[in-house]
């Protein structure tokens, strides 16, 4: 009994020394602007923060395919259909890159999927709004993907290595999505009065949800301060939102469309556009699960997962069948 207690004390002391050394190394890497890699020691809170953020990002890519998938059969031309199909395929790939990055932190994608399906993991609340017309495909590409790019370019320099490297490729592909969405709206803006009205209506509905994508104002954000200290984030929510608005206003002017904010005006003193109040009550309501499409999106995801069970079982059976042969080849 005494020996066990003494051994436990020694083990605890060793762990404490190792944790202290690990923390010092971790803090030095952060201070040097170096990357944290999977084998590096990291605080539990950092690991949990990265799992939460990467999982939410991955889930958003997967759930985000739903509103666009509904319009594949309704695209106005074969060219538009091909573009939309390619974009949806890209989003699926982005989800896989991100789940792979998440797995390096100790959570499997099966675990993450189970938490998503149970409603315990979040995804971007912007995908809980409905896509009503073809113009929404352009507005999602221009505004939603445009906001995502502003967020994600900064994440190319995030402190966790696998996440940063995944973001480099994702940003390259998202930039195409943003340009394709904008080009679709350019065409509508030069069309018939009905097409122009449809274009303006889509912009009106997606503008505010796109601004909410950056998260609550800095003073209300529960994660920003620590994420900035760990260099997970490089800019605050409000800084990123301002950058997106500054980028988007002149683009709207080029196509002759109006952003639905009468208080939007240039502020020479700040070097940014001032904007009207954002309805944060609405954002929190949607985040809590009371948005227009929350239940529909999750139900569809669960249905797709259940209907794909036979594919996963077949893939696992095939892998098990060929595992001995693969092992023999490796041994040889």
Protein backbone atom coordinates (compact mmCIF):
# COMPACT_ATOMS: atom_id res chain seq x y z
CA UNK A 1 0.00 0.00 0.00
CA UNK A 2 2.71 2.42 1.00
CA UNK A 3 4.80 1.41 -2.00
CA UNK A 4 1.88 2.03 -4.35
CA UNK A 5 1.27 5.44 -2.84
CA UNK A 6 4.95 6.35 -3.09
CA UNK A 7 5.02 5.18 -6.71
CA UNK A 8 1.90 7.19 -7.51
CA UNK A 9 3.51 10.27 -5.97
CA UNK A 10 6.66 9.77 -8.05
CA UNK A 11 4.58 9.28 -11.20
CA UNK A 12 2.59 12.42 -10.47
CA UNK A 13 5.81 14.37 -9.93
CA UNK A 14 7.26 13.09 -13.22
CA UNK A 15 4.05 14.02 -15.04
CA UNK A 16 4.15 17.47 -13.47
CA UNK A 17 7.76 17.99 -14.58
CA UNK A 18 6.94 16.73 -18.09
CA UNK A 19 3.88 18.98 -18.28
CA UNK A 20 5.94 21.98 -17.18
CA UNK A 21 8.59 21.22 -19.81
CA UNK A 22 5.91 20.62 -22.43
CA UNK A 23 4.13 23.86 -21.59
CA UNK A 24 7.40 25.80 -21.82
CA UNK A 25 8.10 24.27 -25.26
CA UNK A 26 4.52 24.95 -26.40
CA UNK A 27 4.66 28.58 -25.31
CA UNK A 28 8.06 29.00 -26.98
CA UNK A 29 6.66 27.68 -30.30
CA UNK A 30 3.71 30.07 -30.07
CA UNK A 31 6.01 32.98 -29.23
CA UNK A 32 8.31 32.12 -32.16
CA UNK A 33 5.31 31.96 -34.52
CA UNK A 34 6.12 28.31 -35.22
CA UNK A 35 3.60 25.55 -35.84
CA UNK A 36 2.27 23.15 -33.24
CA UNK A 37 2.41 19.64 -34.70
CA UNK A 38 0.45 16.53 -33.60
CA UNK A 39 3.36 15.00 -31.65
CA UNK A 40 4.06 18.20 -29.74
CA UNK A 41 2.81 18.52 -26.18
CA UNK A 42 -0.12 20.92 -26.00
CA UNK A 43 -2.47 22.05 -23.22
CA UNK A 44 -5.70 20.11 -23.05
CA UNK A 45 -7.67 23.33 -23.56
CA UNK A 46 -5.74 24.04 -26.79
CA UNK A 47 -6.43 20.51 -28.05
CA UNK A 48 -10.13 20.79 -27.20
CA UNK A 49 -10.36 24.22 -28.86
CA UNK A 50 -8.78 22.91 -32.05
CA UNK A 51 -11.04 19.85 -32.12
CA UNK A 52 -14.11 22.05 -31.65
CA UNK A 53 -13.06 24.52 -34.35
CA UNK A 54 -11.86 22.02 -36.96
CA UNK A 55 -14.86 19.72 -36.44
CA UNK A 56 -17.26 22.65 -36.80
CA UNK A 57 -15.45 23.73 -39.97
CA UNK A 58 -15.56 20.19 -41.41
CA UNK A 59 -19.25 19.77 -40.57
CA UNK A 60 -19.98 23.12 -42.24
CA UNK A 61 -18.42 21.92 -45.49
CA UNK A 62 -20.58 18.78 -45.44
CA UNK A 63 -23.86 20.44 -44.39
CA UNK A 64 -23.13 23.31 -46.80
CA UNK A 65 -23.57 20.97 -49.76
CA UNK A 66 -27.30 20.64 -49.05
CA UNK A 67 -28.69 23.99 -50.26
CA UNK A 68 -26.60 23.79 -53.43
CA UNK A 69 -27.38 20.14 -54.05
CA UNK A 70 -31.06 21.04 -54.32
CA UNK A 71 -30.32 23.16 -57.40
CA UNK A 72 -28.25 20.71 -59.47
CA UNK A 73 -31.35 19.58 -61.38
CA UNK A 74 -32.61 23.17 -61.66
CA UNK A 75 -29.47 24.84 -63.04
CA UNK A 76 -30.34 27.02 -66.04
CA UNK A 77 -27.70 25.49 -68.35
CA UNK A 78 -25.35 22.54 -68.66
CA UNK A 79 -22.41 24.87 -67.94
CA UNK A 80 -24.00 26.08 -64.70
CA UNK A 81 -24.80 22.51 -63.69
CA UNK A 82 -21.19 21.41 -64.26
CA UNK A 83 -19.89 24.36 -62.22
CA UNK A 84 -22.28 23.60 -59.37
CA UNK A 85 -21.44 19.88 -59.35
CA UNK A 86 -17.73 20.67 -59.26
CA UNK A 87 -18.25 23.05 -56.35
CA UNK A 88 -20.24 20.50 -54.33
CA UNK A 89 -17.51 17.93 -54.97
CA UNK A 90 -14.91 20.43 -53.74
CA UNK A 91 -16.88 21.02 -50.53
CA UNK A 92 -16.99 17.28 -49.83
CA UNK A 93 -13.23 17.15 -50.31
CA UNK A 94 -12.73 20.10 -47.96
CA UNK A 95 -14.67 18.24 -45.29
CA UNK A 96 -12.39 15.22 -45.69
CA UNK A 97 -9.20 17.32 -45.45
CA UNK A 98 -10.52 18.87 -42.26
CA UNK A 99 -11.65 15.61 -40.68
CA UNK A 100 -8.16 14.26 -41.36
CA UNK A 101 -6.63 17.29 -39.60
CA UNK A 102 -9.03 16.79 -36.69
CA UNK A 103 -8.06 13.12 -36.35
CA UNK A 104 -4.46 14.12 -35.59
CA UNK A 105 -5.83 15.58 -32.33
CA UNK A 106 -7.33 12.29 -31.17
CA UNK A 107 -10.95 12.44 -32.31
CA UNK A 108 -12.04 10.12 -35.11
CA UNK A 109 -14.39 11.27 -37.83
CA UNK A 110 -16.89 8.61 -36.71
CA UNK A 111 -16.93 10.19 -33.24
CA UNK A 112 -17.34 13.65 -34.74
CA UNK A 113 -20.14 12.48 -37.04
CA UNK A 114 -21.97 10.85 -34.13
CA UNK A 115 -21.78 14.13 -32.19
CA UNK A 116 -23.03 16.07 -35.22
CA UNK A 117 -25.93 13.69 -35.80
CA UNK A 118 -26.87 13.92 -32.12
CA UNK A 119 -26.92 17.72 -32.35
CA UNK A 120 -23.95 18.06 -29.97
CA UNK A 121 -21.53 19.48 -32.56
CA UNK A 122 -22.19 22.74 -34.36
CA UNK A 123 -21.77 23.82 -37.97
CA UNK A 124 -21.92 27.31 -39.47
CA UNK A 125 -25.35 28.80 -38.79
CA UNK A 126 -25.43 30.38 -42.28
CA UNK A 127 -26.45 27.01 -43.72
CA UNK A 128 -29.66 27.05 -41.70
CA UNK A 129 -31.18 29.56 -44.12
CA UNK A 130 -33.11 28.38 -47.19
CA UNK A 131 -31.99 28.77 -50.80
CA UNK A 132 -35.14 29.84 -52.67
CA UNK A 133 -34.08 30.69 -56.24
CA UNK A 134 -31.23 30.14 -58.67
CA UNK A 135 -29.89 33.58 -57.70
CA UNK A 136 -29.21 32.15 -54.23
CA UNK A 137 -26.49 29.99 -55.78
CA UNK A 138 -24.75 33.15 -56.90
CA UNK A 139 -25.31 34.93 -53.58
CA UNK A 140 -24.00 31.95 -51.59
CA UNK A 141 -20.90 31.81 -53.78
CA UNK A 142 -20.26 35.56 -53.65
CA UNK A 143 -21.25 36.38 -50.06
CA UNK A 144 -21.04 33.15 -48.05
CA UNK A 145 -17.92 31.80 -49.74
CA UNK A 146 -16.52 35.33 -49.84
CA UNK A 147 -16.92 35.64 -46.07
CA UNK A 148 -15.44 32.17 -45.63
CA UNK A 149 -12.36 33.13 -47.66
CA UNK A 150 -11.70 36.16 -45.47
CA UNK A 151 -11.84 33.88 -42.43
CA UNK A 152 -9.85 31.09 -44.02
CA UNK A 153 -6.99 33.08 -45.51
CA UNK A 154 -6.15 34.14 -41.96
CA UNK A 155 -6.31 30.47 -40.90
CA UNK A 156 -3.54 29.60 -43.36
CA UNK A 157 -1.29 31.04 -40.64
CA UNK A 158 -3.03 29.39 -37.70
CA UNK A 159 -0.76 27.84 -35.09
CA UNK A 160 -1.85 24.21 -35.56
CA UNK A 161 0.12 22.78 -38.49
CA UNK A 162 -2.30 20.23 -40.02
CA UNK A 163 -5.14 22.77 -39.95
CA UNK A 164 -3.01 25.50 -41.54
CA UNK A 165 -1.83 23.20 -44.34
CA UNK A 166 -5.38 22.02 -45.08
CA UNK A 167 -6.48 25.65 -45.35
CA UNK A 168 -3.94 26.47 -48.08
CA UNK A 169 -5.60 24.11 -50.56
CA UNK A 170 -9.12 24.91 -49.38
CA UNK A 171 -8.59 28.65 -49.91
CA UNK A 172 -7.40 28.11 -53.47
CA UNK A 173 -10.57 26.23 -54.32
CA UNK A 174 -12.88 28.56 -52.38
CA UNK A 175 -11.57 31.50 -54.37
CA UNK A 176 -12.96 29.84 -57.52
CA UNK A 177 -16.32 29.35 -55.79
CA UNK A 178 -16.49 33.02 -54.86
CA UNK A 179 -15.68 34.16 -58.38
CA UNK A 180 -18.16 31.72 -59.92
CA UNK A 181 -20.91 32.98 -57.61
CA UNK A 182 -20.14 36.59 -58.42
CA UNK A 183 -20.08 35.86 -62.16
CA UNK A 184 -23.53 34.22 -61.90
CA UNK A 185 -24.87 37.40 -60.29
CA UNK A 186 -23.19 39.56 -62.93
CA UNK A 187 -25.16 37.68 -65.59
CA UNK A 188 -28.45 38.09 -63.69
CA UNK A 189 -27.76 41.78 -63.03
CA UNK A 190 -27.55 42.34 -66.80
CA UNK A 191 -30.68 40.33 -67.55
CA UNK A 192 -34.40 41.03 -67.56
CA UNK A 193 -36.10 43.11 -64.85
CA UNK A 194 -37.28 39.83 -63.30
CA UNK A 195 -33.72 38.47 -63.22
CA UNK A 196 -32.38 41.68 -61.69
CA UNK A 197 -35.12 41.57 -59.04
CA UNK A 198 -34.27 37.93 -58.28
CA UNK A 199 -30.60 38.88 -57.96
CA UNK A 200 -31.35 41.75 -55.57
CA UNK A 201 -33.69 39.60 -53.49
CA UNK A 202 -31.01 36.92 -53.00
CA UNK A 203 -28.45 39.55 -51.94
CA UNK A 204 -30.95 41.04 -49.49
CA UNK A 205 -31.52 37.66 -47.82
CA UNK A 206 -27.89 36.49 -47.62
CA UNK A 207 -26.12 39.74 -46.65
CA UNK A 208 -26.84 39.70 -42.92
CA UNK A 209 -26.29 35.94 -42.43
CA UNK A 210 -22.94 36.36 -44.20
CA UNK A 211 -21.93 39.09 -41.73
CA UNK A 212 -22.93 36.82 -38.84
CA UNK A 213 -20.50 34.17 -40.08
CA UNK A 214 -17.63 36.06 -38.43
CA UNK A 215 -19.14 35.48 -35.01
CA UNK A 216 -20.36 37.87 -32.32
CA UNK A 217 -18.74 41.25 -31.72
CA UNK A 218 -15.36 41.07 -30.02
CA UNK A 219 -16.76 42.22 -26.70
CA UNK A 220 -19.23 39.31 -26.64
CA UNK A 221 -16.96 36.55 -28.00
CA UNK A 222 -16.07 33.89 -25.44
CA UNK A 223 -13.26 32.37 -27.52
CA UNK A 224 -11.50 35.24 -29.33
CA UNK A 225 -9.09 36.38 -26.61
CA UNK A 226 -7.63 32.92 -25.95
CA UNK A 227 -7.59 32.00 -29.63
CA UNK A 228 -5.65 35.18 -30.39
CA UNK A 229 -3.20 34.43 -27.57
CA UNK A 230 -2.60 30.93 -28.96
CA UNK A 231 -2.43 32.36 -32.51
CA UNK A 232 -5.25 30.11 -33.65
CA UNK A 233 -6.87 33.34 -34.84
CA UNK A 234 -4.78 36.15 -36.26
CA UNK A 235 -7.52 38.76 -36.44
CA UNK A 236 -10.62 39.37 -34.34
CA UNK A 237 -14.21 38.80 -35.48
CA UNK A 238 -14.83 42.53 -35.97
CA UNK A 239 -11.58 43.02 -37.91
CA UNK A 240 -12.42 40.19 -40.29
CA UNK A 241 -16.01 41.42 -40.71
CA UNK A 242 -14.75 44.92 -41.59
CA UNK A 243 -12.35 43.48 -44.16
CA UNK A 244 -15.19 41.54 -45.80
CA UNK A 245 -17.47 44.59 -45.96
CA UNK A 246 -14.70 46.76 -47.41
CA UNK A 247 -14.12 44.15 -50.10
CA UNK A 248 -17.78 43.58 -50.94
CA UNK A 249 -19.23 47.10 -51.19
CA UNK A 250 -17.38 48.06 -54.41
CA UNK A 251 -18.20 44.68 -55.94
CA UNK A 252 -21.91 45.33 -55.38
CA UNK A 253 -21.56 48.74 -57.01
CA UNK A 254 -19.98 47.19 -60.11
CA UNK A 255 -23.04 45.01 -60.78
CA UNK A 256 -25.51 47.76 -59.87
CA UNK A 257 -26.92 45.98 -56.83
CA UNK A 258 -27.62 47.44 -53.39
CA UNK A 259 -26.51 45.94 -50.10
CA UNK A 260 -29.51 45.98 -47.71
CA UNK A 261 -28.07 48.36 -45.13
CA UNK A 262 -29.10 52.04 -45.31
CA UNK A 263 -26.43 52.91 -42.72
CA UNK A 264 -23.58 51.54 -44.84
CA UNK A 265 -21.14 54.38 -45.55
CA UNK A 266 -17.40 54.99 -45.79
CA UNK A 267 -15.68 56.31 -42.67
CA UNK A 268 -12.50 58.14 -43.63
CA UNK A 269 -11.38 58.31 -40.00
CA UNK A 270 -11.37 54.52 -39.51
CA UNK A 271 -10.57 53.59 -43.10
CA UNK A 272 -13.53 51.19 -43.12
CA UNK A 273 -17.23 51.19 -43.91
CA UNK A 274 -19.62 51.79 -41.03
CA UNK A 275 -22.59 49.44 -41.03
CA UNK A 276 -25.94 49.19 -39.32
CA UNK A 277 -26.75 47.01 -36.31
CA UNK A 278 -26.60 43.25 -36.78
CA UNK A 279 -29.44 41.25 -35.25
CA UNK A 280 -27.41 39.18 -32.80
CA UNK A 281 -30.58 37.80 -31.21
CA UNK A 282 -31.34 36.16 -34.55
CA UNK A 283 -27.82 34.73 -34.78
CA UNK A 284 -28.00 33.19 -31.31
CA UNK A 285 -31.49 31.87 -32.03
CA UNK A 286 -30.25 30.07 -35.15
CA UNK A 287 -27.15 28.79 -33.34
CA UNK A 288 -29.40 27.34 -30.62
CA UNK A 289 -31.28 25.38 -33.29
CA UNK A 290 -34.28 27.59 -34.00
CA UNK A 291 -33.39 28.74 -37.53
CA UNK A 292 -35.51 28.23 -40.66
CA UNK A 293 -33.74 25.02 -41.70
CA UNK A 294 -31.92 23.64 -38.63
CA UNK A 295 -34.12 20.57 -38.24
CA UNK A 296 -34.29 19.93 -41.98
CA UNK A 297 -30.50 20.09 -42.44
CA UNK A 298 -29.77 17.71 -39.57
CA UNK A 299 -32.55 15.30 -40.51
CA UNK A 300 -31.26 15.15 -44.10
CA UNK A 301 -27.69 14.54 -42.86
CA UNK A 302 -28.85 11.71 -40.60
CA UNK A 303 -30.89 10.17 -43.41
CA UNK A 304 -27.94 10.31 -45.82
CA UNK A 305 -25.68 8.74 -43.20
CA UNK A 306 -28.14 5.90 -42.53
CA UNK A 307 -28.71 5.23 -46.22
CA UNK A 308 -24.95 5.09 -46.80
CA UNK A 309 -24.39 2.45 -44.10
CA UNK A 310 -24.22 -0.38 -46.65
CA UNK A 311 -21.45 1.42 -48.56
CA UNK A 312 -19.35 1.77 -45.40
CA UNK A 313 -19.96 -1.88 -44.50
CA UNK A 314 -18.97 -3.02 -47.99
CA UNK A 315 -15.80 -0.92 -47.90
CA UNK A 316 -14.86 -2.31 -44.49
CA UNK A 317 -15.52 -5.90 -45.65
CA UNK A 318 -13.37 -5.35 -48.73
CA UNK A 319 -10.55 -3.90 -46.62
CA UNK A 320 -10.73 -6.81 -44.17
CA UNK A 321 -10.70 -9.34 -47.00
CA UNK A 322 -7.58 -7.89 -48.55
CA UNK A 323 -5.75 -7.05 -45.32
CA UNK A 324 -3.86 -10.41 -45.13
CA UNK A 325 -2.64 -10.01 -48.71
CA UNK A 326 -1.51 -6.45 -48.01
CA UNK A 327 0.32 -7.65 -44.89
CA UNK A 328 2.08 -10.39 -46.87
CA UNK A 329 3.16 -7.85 -49.45
CA UNK A 330 4.58 -5.57 -46.78
CA UNK A 331 6.45 -8.45 -45.15
CA UNK A 332 7.96 -9.48 -48.46
